[in-house]
Amino acid sequence: MCYWKQWRKTRTNVRNLLALETGKRQAILTALSSKGYWHLARILATQTAMSNEWLKSQGLISVRDLRMKAHGYA
């Protein structure tokens, strides 16, 4: 959701989704949607483009991994 909000403009959304190897049609339809940021964060196009591996490569840490480590599972 934060990345989607940070990109702000429709053209930027399409360009970034295409750079993340989302299909052209899905990228355009998702960027043109009038739904809110949280709703768009749950759409298949953004879920597949911004996978957990991609988010990790961006320097973000997983709350799930931190919780697992805190409880001794990892």
PDB file of N, CA and C in Angstrom:
ATOM      1  N   MET A   1       0.823  -1.179   0.000  1.00  0.00           N
ATOM      2  CA  MET A   1       0.000   0.000   0.000  1.00  0.00           C
ATOM      3  C   MET A   1       0.873   1.250   0.000  1.00  0.00           C
ATOM      4  N   CYS A   2       1.940   1.224   0.760  1.00  0.00           N
ATOM      5  CA  CYS A   2       2.799   2.411   0.850  1.00  0.00           C
ATOM      6  C   CYS A   2       3.470   2.724  -0.479  1.00  0.00           C
ATOM      7  N   TYR A   3       3.920   1.696  -1.197  1.00  0.00           N
ATOM      8  CA  TYR A   3       4.522   1.930  -2.505  1.00  0.00           C
ATOM      9  C   TYR A   3       3.495   2.503  -3.468  1.00  0.00           C
ATOM     10  N   TRP A   4       2.300   1.957  -3.460  1.00  0.00           N
ATOM     11  CA  TRP A   4       1.247   2.425  -4.352  1.00  0.00           C
ATOM     12  C   TRP A   4       0.933   3.898  -4.075  1.00  0.00           C
ATOM     13  N   LYS A   5       0.872   4.254  -2.812  1.00  0.00           N
ATOM     14  CA  LYS A   5       0.591   5.640  -2.438  1.00  0.00           C
ATOM     15  C   LYS A   5       1.770   6.547  -2.796  1.00  0.00           C
ATOM     16  N   GLN A   6       2.970   6.027  -2.678  1.00  0.00           N
ATOM     17  CA  GLN A   6       4.165   6.801  -2.981  1.00  0.00           C
ATOM     18  C   GLN A   6       4.270   7.091  -4.487  1.00  0.00           C
ATOM     19  N   TRP A   7       3.827   6.164  -5.315  1.00  0.00           N
ATOM     20  CA  TRP A   7       3.910   6.353  -6.762  1.00  0.00           C
ATOM     21  C   TRP A   7       2.942   7.413  -7.253  1.00  0.00           C
ATOM     22  N   ARG A   8       1.819   7.616  -6.600  1.00  0.00           N
ATOM     23  CA  ARG A   8       0.848   8.671  -6.784  1.00  0.00           C
ATOM     24  C   ARG A   8       0.134   8.722  -8.134  1.00  0.00           C
ATOM     25  N   LYS A   9       0.819   8.888  -9.222  1.00  0.00           N
ATOM     26  CA  LYS A   9       0.174   9.126 -10.521  1.00  0.00           C
ATOM     27  C   LYS A   9      -0.052   7.826 -11.291  1.00  0.00           C
ATOM     28  N   THR A  10      -1.071   7.838 -12.130  1.00  0.00           N
ATOM     29  CA  THR A  10      -1.437   6.662 -12.913  1.00  0.00           C
ATOM     30  C   THR A  10      -0.291   6.222 -13.821  1.00  0.00           C
ATOM     31  N   ARG A  11       0.331   7.160 -14.467  1.00  0.00           N
ATOM     32  CA  ARG A  11       1.434   6.827 -15.378  1.00  0.00           C
ATOM     33  C   ARG A  11       2.588   6.161 -14.635  1.00  0.00           C
ATOM     34  N   THR A  12       2.890   6.652 -13.454  1.00  0.00           N
ATOM     35  CA  THR A  12       3.959   6.070 -12.644  1.00  0.00           C
ATOM     36  C   THR A  12       3.575   4.664 -12.196  1.00  0.00           C
ATOM     37  N   ASN A  13       2.323   4.488 -11.820  1.00  0.00           N
ATOM     38  CA  ASN A  13       1.856   3.164 -11.408  1.00  0.00           C
ATOM     39  C   ASN A  13       2.009   2.154 -12.534  1.00  0.00           C
ATOM     40  N   VAL A  14       1.595   2.534 -13.738  1.00  0.00           N
ATOM     41  CA  VAL A  14       1.699   1.636 -14.890  1.00  0.00           C
ATOM     42  C   VAL A  14       3.168   1.323 -15.176  1.00  0.00           C
ATOM     43  N   ARG A  15       4.003   2.339 -15.205  1.00  0.00           N
ATOM     44  CA  ARG A  15       5.424   2.141 -15.508  1.00  0.00           C
ATOM     45  C   ARG A  15       6.087   1.212 -14.495  1.00  0.00           C
ATOM     46  N   ASN A  16       5.804   1.413 -13.222  1.00  0.00           N
ATOM     47  CA  ASN A  16       6.424   0.578 -12.194  1.00  0.00           C
ATOM     48  C   ASN A  16       5.889  -0.848 -12.209  1.00  0.00           C
ATOM     49  N   LEU A  17       4.595  -1.020 -12.453  1.00  0.00           N
ATOM     50  CA  LEU A  17       4.049  -2.376 -12.552  1.00  0.00           C
ATOM     51  C   LEU A  17       4.623  -3.103 -13.759  1.00  0.00           C
ATOM     52  N   LEU A  18       4.792  -2.407 -14.867  1.00  0.00           N
ATOM     53  CA  LEU A  18       5.401  -3.030 -16.044  1.00  0.00           C
ATOM     54  C   LEU A  18       6.859  -3.395 -15.772  1.00  0.00           C
ATOM     55  N   ALA A  19       7.564  -2.555 -15.028  1.00  0.00           N
ATOM     56  CA  ALA A  19       8.951  -2.857 -14.674  1.00  0.00           C
ATOM     57  C   ALA A  19       9.034  -4.090 -13.774  1.00  0.00           C
ATOM     58  N   LEU A  20       7.982  -4.340 -13.020  1.00  0.00           N
ATOM     59  CA  LEU A  20       7.932  -5.512 -12.141  1.00  0.00           C
ATOM     60  C   LEU A  20       7.311  -6.721 -12.839  1.00  0.00           C
ATOM     61  N   GLU A  21       7.268  -6.674 -14.163  1.00  0.00           N
ATOM     62  CA  GLU A  21       6.837  -7.782 -15.014  1.00  0.00           C
ATOM     63  C   GLU A  21       5.374  -8.171 -14.844  1.00  0.00           C
ATOM     64  N   THR A  22       4.521  -7.182 -14.638  1.00  0.00           N
ATOM     65  CA  THR A  22       3.077  -7.399 -14.654  1.00  0.00           C
ATOM     66  C   THR A  22       2.619  -7.238 -16.094  1.00  0.00           C
ATOM     67  N   GLY A  23       1.590  -7.968 -16.492  1.00  0.00           N
ATOM     68  CA  GLY A  23       1.069  -7.839 -17.843  1.00  0.00           C
ATOM     69  C   GLY A  23       0.602  -6.423 -18.125  1.00  0.00           C
ATOM     70  N   LYS A  24       0.719  -6.017 -19.390  1.00  0.00           N
ATOM     71  CA  LYS A  24       0.380  -4.637 -19.762  1.00  0.00           C
ATOM     72  C   LYS A  24      -1.084  -4.320 -19.462  1.00  0.00           C
ATOM     73  N   ARG A  25      -1.982  -5.217 -19.820  1.00  0.00           N
ATOM     74  CA  ARG A  25      -3.414  -4.989 -19.589  1.00  0.00           C
ATOM     75  C   ARG A  25      -3.726  -4.886 -18.100  1.00  0.00           C
ATOM     76  N   GLN A  26      -3.174  -5.798 -17.307  1.00  0.00           N
ATOM     77  CA  GLN A  26      -3.413  -5.780 -15.856  1.00  0.00           C
ATOM     78  C   GLN A  26      -2.835  -4.520 -15.222  1.00  0.00           C
ATOM     79  N   ALA A  27      -1.658  -4.100 -15.673  1.00  0.00           N
ATOM     80  CA  ALA A  27      -1.030  -2.894 -15.119  1.00  0.00           C
ATOM     81  C   ALA A  27      -1.896  -1.665 -15.388  1.00  0.00           C
ATOM     82  N   ILE A  28      -2.407  -1.558 -16.598  1.00  0.00           N
ATOM     83  CA  ILE A  28      -3.223  -0.392 -16.958  1.00  0.00           C
ATOM     84  C   ILE A  28      -4.547  -0.410 -16.204  1.00  0.00           C
ATOM     85  N   LEU A  29      -5.206  -1.572 -16.171  1.00  0.00           N
ATOM     86  CA  LEU A  29      -6.488  -1.652 -15.473  1.00  0.00           C
ATOM     87  C   LEU A  29      -6.341  -1.380 -13.974  1.00  0.00           C
ATOM     88  N   THR A  30      -5.274  -1.866 -13.388  1.00  0.00           N
ATOM     89  CA  THR A  30      -5.046  -1.638 -11.959  1.00  0.00           C
ATOM     90  C   THR A  30      -4.760  -0.170 -11.689  1.00  0.00           C
ATOM     91  N   ALA A  31      -3.931   0.445 -12.516  1.00  0.00           N
ATOM     92  CA  ALA A  31      -3.576   1.853 -12.316  1.00  0.00           C
ATOM     93  C   ALA A  31      -4.771   2.781 -12.522  1.00  0.00           C
ATOM     94  N   LEU A  32      -5.688   2.415 -13.413  1.00  0.00           N
ATOM     95  CA  LEU A  32      -6.847   3.258 -13.679  1.00  0.00           C
ATOM     96  C   LEU A  32      -7.980   3.053 -12.678  1.00  0.00           C
ATOM     97  N   SER A  33      -7.851   2.080 -11.814  1.00  0.00           N
ATOM     98  CA  SER A  33      -8.904   1.778 -10.857  1.00  0.00           C
ATOM     99  C   SER A  33      -9.098   2.936  -9.875  1.00  0.00           C
ATOM    100  N   SER A  34     -10.332   3.164  -9.511  1.00  0.00           N
ATOM    101  CA  SER A  34     -10.631   4.239  -8.560  1.00  0.00           C
ATOM    102  C   SER A  34     -10.734   3.720  -7.129  1.00  0.00           C
ATOM    103  N   LYS A  35     -10.353   2.466  -6.923  1.00  0.00           N
ATOM    104  CA  LYS A  35     -10.386   1.882  -5.581  1.00  0.00           C
ATOM    105  C   LYS A  35      -9.316   2.521  -4.704  1.00  0.00           C
ATOM    106  N   GLY A  36      -9.416   2.307  -3.419  1.00  0.00           N
ATOM    107  CA  GLY A  36      -8.467   2.882  -2.477  1.00  0.00           C
ATOM    108  C   GLY A  36      -7.142   2.145  -2.457  1.00  0.00           C
ATOM    109  N   TYR A  37      -6.176   2.719  -1.758  1.00  0.00           N
ATOM    110  CA  TYR A  37      -4.835   2.151  -1.691  1.00  0.00           C
ATOM    111  C   TYR A  37      -4.830   0.750  -1.101  1.00  0.00           C
ATOM    112  N   TRP A  38      -5.569   0.549  -0.012  1.00  0.00           N
ATOM    113  CA  TRP A  38      -5.581  -0.767   0.631  1.00  0.00           C
ATOM    114  C   TRP A  38      -6.214  -1.805  -0.271  1.00  0.00           C
ATOM    115  N   HIS A  39      -7.279  -1.440  -0.976  1.00  0.00           N
ATOM    116  CA  HIS A  39      -7.930  -2.379  -1.892  1.00  0.00           C
ATOM    117  C   HIS A  39      -6.980  -2.760  -3.022  1.00  0.00           C
ATOM    118  N   LEU A  40      -6.294  -1.775  -3.593  1.00  0.00           N
ATOM    119  CA  LEU A  40      -5.383  -2.041  -4.693  1.00  0.00           C
ATOM    120  C   LEU A  40      -4.166  -2.853  -4.260  1.00  0.00           C
ATOM    121  N   ALA A  41      -3.808  -2.756  -3.001  1.00  0.00           N
ATOM    122  CA  ALA A  41      -2.692  -3.542  -2.500  1.00  0.00           C
ATOM    123  C   ALA A  41      -3.030  -5.031  -2.478  1.00  0.00           C
ATOM    124  N   ARG A  42      -4.309  -5.372  -2.487  1.00  0.00           N
ATOM    125  CA  ARG A  42      -4.733  -6.770  -2.437  1.00  0.00           C
ATOM    126  C   ARG A  42      -5.106  -7.338  -3.811  1.00  0.00           C
ATOM    127  N   ILE A  43      -4.964  -6.561  -4.879  1.00  0.00           N
ATOM    128  CA  ILE A  43      -5.284  -7.024  -6.227  1.00  0.00           C
ATOM    129  C   ILE A  43      -4.149  -7.922  -6.727  1.00  0.00           C
ATOM    130  N   LEU A  44      -4.492  -8.901  -7.555  1.00  0.00           N
ATOM    131  CA  LEU A  44      -3.526  -9.888  -8.026  1.00  0.00           C
ATOM    132  C   LEU A  44      -2.326  -9.251  -8.721  1.00  0.00           C
ATOM    133  N   ALA A  45      -2.542  -8.204  -9.491  1.00  0.00           N
ATOM    134  CA  ALA A  45      -1.438  -7.566 -10.215  1.00  0.00           C
ATOM    135  C   ALA A  45      -0.374  -7.032  -9.251  1.00  0.00           C
ATOM    136  N   THR A  46      -0.799  -6.399  -8.180  1.00  0.00           N
ATOM    137  CA  THR A  46       0.179  -5.866  -7.230  1.00  0.00           C
ATOM    138  C   THR A  46       0.749  -6.967  -6.343  1.00  0.00           C
ATOM    139  N   GLN A  47      -0.040  -7.969  -6.029  1.00  0.00           N
ATOM    140  CA  GLN A  47       0.436  -9.073  -5.197  1.00  0.00           C
ATOM    141  C   GLN A  47       1.536  -9.861  -5.902  1.00  0.00           C
ATOM    142  N   THR A  48       1.373 -10.096  -7.204  1.00  0.00           N
ATOM    143  CA  THR A  48       2.390 -10.856  -7.933  1.00  0.00           C
ATOM    144  C   THR A  48       3.604  -9.997  -8.247  1.00  0.00           C
ATOM    145  N   ALA A  49       3.403  -8.720  -8.507  1.00  0.00           N
ATOM    146  CA  ALA A  49       4.527  -7.843  -8.832  1.00  0.00           C
ATOM    147  C   ALA A  49       5.376  -7.560  -7.600  1.00  0.00           C
ATOM    148  N   MET A  50       4.730  -7.261  -6.485  1.00  0.00           N
ATOM    149  CA  MET A  50       5.452  -6.924  -5.256  1.00  0.00           C
ATOM    150  C   MET A  50       5.423  -8.110  -4.310  1.00  0.00           C
ATOM    151  N   SER A  51       6.160  -9.147  -4.683  1.00  0.00           N
ATOM    152  CA  SER A  51       6.191 -10.357  -3.868  1.00  0.00           C
ATOM    153  C   SER A  51       7.018 -10.122  -2.605  1.00  0.00           C
ATOM    154  N   ASN A  52       6.988 -11.080  -1.704  1.00  0.00           N
ATOM    155  CA  ASN A  52       7.768 -10.959  -0.473  1.00  0.00           C
ATOM    156  C   ASN A  52       9.261 -10.873  -0.767  1.00  0.00           C
ATOM    157  N   GLU A  53       9.717 -11.589  -1.784  1.00  0.00           N
ATOM    158  CA  GLU A  53      11.135 -11.538  -2.154  1.00  0.00           C
ATOM    159  C   GLU A  53      11.517 -10.140  -2.643  1.00  0.00           C
ATOM    160  N   TRP A  54      10.625  -9.520  -3.430  1.00  0.00           N
ATOM    161  CA  TRP A  54      10.889  -8.171  -3.929  1.00  0.00           C
ATOM    162  C   TRP A  54      10.926  -7.174  -2.776  1.00  0.00           C
ATOM    163  N   LEU A  55       9.971  -7.300  -1.858  1.00  0.00           N
ATOM    164  CA  LEU A  55       9.946  -6.396  -0.711  1.00  0.00           C
ATOM    165  C   LEU A  55      11.197  -6.567   0.145  1.00  0.00           C
ATOM    166  N   LYS A  56      11.665  -7.810   0.280  1.00  0.00           N
ATOM    167  CA  LYS A  56      12.885  -8.062   1.040  1.00  0.00           C
ATOM    168  C   LYS A  56      14.091  -7.438   0.342  1.00  0.00           C
ATOM    169  N   SER A  57      14.110  -7.493  -0.993  1.00  0.00           N
ATOM    170  CA  SER A  57      15.214  -6.877  -1.740  1.00  0.00           C
ATOM    171  C   SER A  57      15.190  -5.352  -1.631  1.00  0.00           C
ATOM    172  N   GLN A  58      14.032  -4.794  -1.305  1.00  0.00           N
ATOM    173  CA  GLN A  58      13.904  -3.351  -1.108  1.00  0.00           C
ATOM    174  C   GLN A  58      14.379  -2.926   0.281  1.00  0.00           C
ATOM    175  N   GLY A  59      14.729  -3.895   1.114  1.00  0.00           N
ATOM    176  CA  GLY A  59      15.248  -3.591   2.439  1.00  0.00           C
ATOM    177  C   GLY A  59      14.214  -3.655   3.549  1.00  0.00           C
ATOM    178  N   LEU A  60      13.012  -4.139   3.249  1.00  0.00           N
ATOM    179  CA  LEU A  60      11.977  -4.245   4.272  1.00  0.00           C
ATOM    180  C   LEU A  60      12.124  -5.561   5.033  1.00  0.00           C
ATOM    181  N   ILE A  61      11.767  -5.539   6.292  1.00  0.00           N
ATOM    182  CA  ILE A  61      11.845  -6.753   7.096  1.00  0.00           C
ATOM    183  C   ILE A  61      10.440  -7.322   7.285  1.00  0.00           C
ATOM    184  N   SER A  62      10.378  -8.607   7.430  1.00  0.00           N
ATOM    185  CA  SER A  62       9.101  -9.290   7.567  1.00  0.00           C
ATOM    186  C   SER A  62       8.694  -9.342   9.040  1.00  0.00           C
ATOM    187  N   VAL A  63       7.507  -8.871   9.319  1.00  0.00           N
ATOM    188  CA  VAL A  63       6.983  -8.922  10.686  1.00  0.00           C
ATOM    189  C   VAL A  63       6.787 -10.375  11.096  1.00  0.00           C
ATOM    190  N   ARG A  64       6.379 -11.219  10.160  1.00  0.00           N
ATOM    191  CA  ARG A  64       6.192 -12.645  10.438  1.00  0.00           C
ATOM    192  C   ARG A  64       7.510 -13.294  10.862  1.00  0.00           C
ATOM    193  N   ASP A  65       8.592 -12.988  10.140  1.00  0.00           N
ATOM    194  CA  ASP A  65       9.889 -13.554  10.490  1.00  0.00           C
ATOM    195  C   ASP A  65      10.358 -13.088  11.860  1.00  0.00           C
ATOM    196  N   LEU A  66      10.131 -11.818  12.179  1.00  0.00           N
ATOM    197  CA  LEU A  66      10.502 -11.299  13.492  1.00  0.00           C
ATOM    198  C   LEU A  66       9.720 -11.998  14.602  1.00  0.00           C
ATOM    199  N   ARG A  67       8.442 -12.225  14.363  1.00  0.00           N
ATOM    200  CA  ARG A  67       7.605 -12.893  15.357  1.00  0.00           C
ATOM    201  C   ARG A  67       8.023 -14.335  15.554  1.00  0.00           C
ATOM    202  N   MET A  68       8.333 -15.018  14.445  1.00  0.00           N
ATOM    203  CA  MET A  68       8.785 -16.414  14.526  1.00  0.00           C
ATOM    204  C   MET A  68      10.097 -16.506  15.303  1.00  0.00           C
ATOM    205  N   LYS A  69      10.999 -15.569  15.050  1.00  0.00           N
ATOM    206  CA  LYS A  69      12.297 -15.578  15.737  1.00  0.00           C
ATOM    207  C   LYS A  69      12.114 -15.277  17.219  1.00  0.00           C
ATOM    208  N   ALA A  70      11.209 -14.372  17.548  1.00  0.00           N
ATOM    209  CA  ALA A  70      10.976 -14.013  18.941  1.00  0.00           C
ATOM    210  C   ALA A  70      10.396 -15.177  19.752  1.00  0.00           C
ATOM    211  N   HIS A  71       9.633 -16.041  19.069  1.00  0.00           N
ATOM    212  CA  HIS A  71       9.016 -17.173  19.758  1.00  0.00           C
ATOM    213  C   HIS A  71       9.817 -18.467  19.596  1.00  0.00           C
ATOM    214  N   GLY A  72      11.016 -18.363  19.032  1.00  0.00           N
ATOM    215  CA  GLY A  72      11.917 -19.491  18.973  1.00  0.00           C
ATOM    216  C   GLY A  72      11.640 -20.506  17.876  1.00  0.00           C
ATOM    217  N   TYR A  73      10.914 -20.127  16.830  1.00  0.00           N
ATOM    218  CA  TYR A  73      10.630 -21.057  15.746  1.00  0.00           C
ATOM    219  C   TYR A  73      11.680 -21.015  14.642  1.00  0.00           C
ATOM    220  N   ALA A  74      12.477 -19.980  14.605  1.00  0.00           N
ATOM    221  CA  ALA A  74      13.445 -19.879  13.511  1.00  0.00           C
ATOM    222  C   ALA A  74      14.830 -19.592  14.025  1.00  0.00           C
TER     223      ALA A  74
END
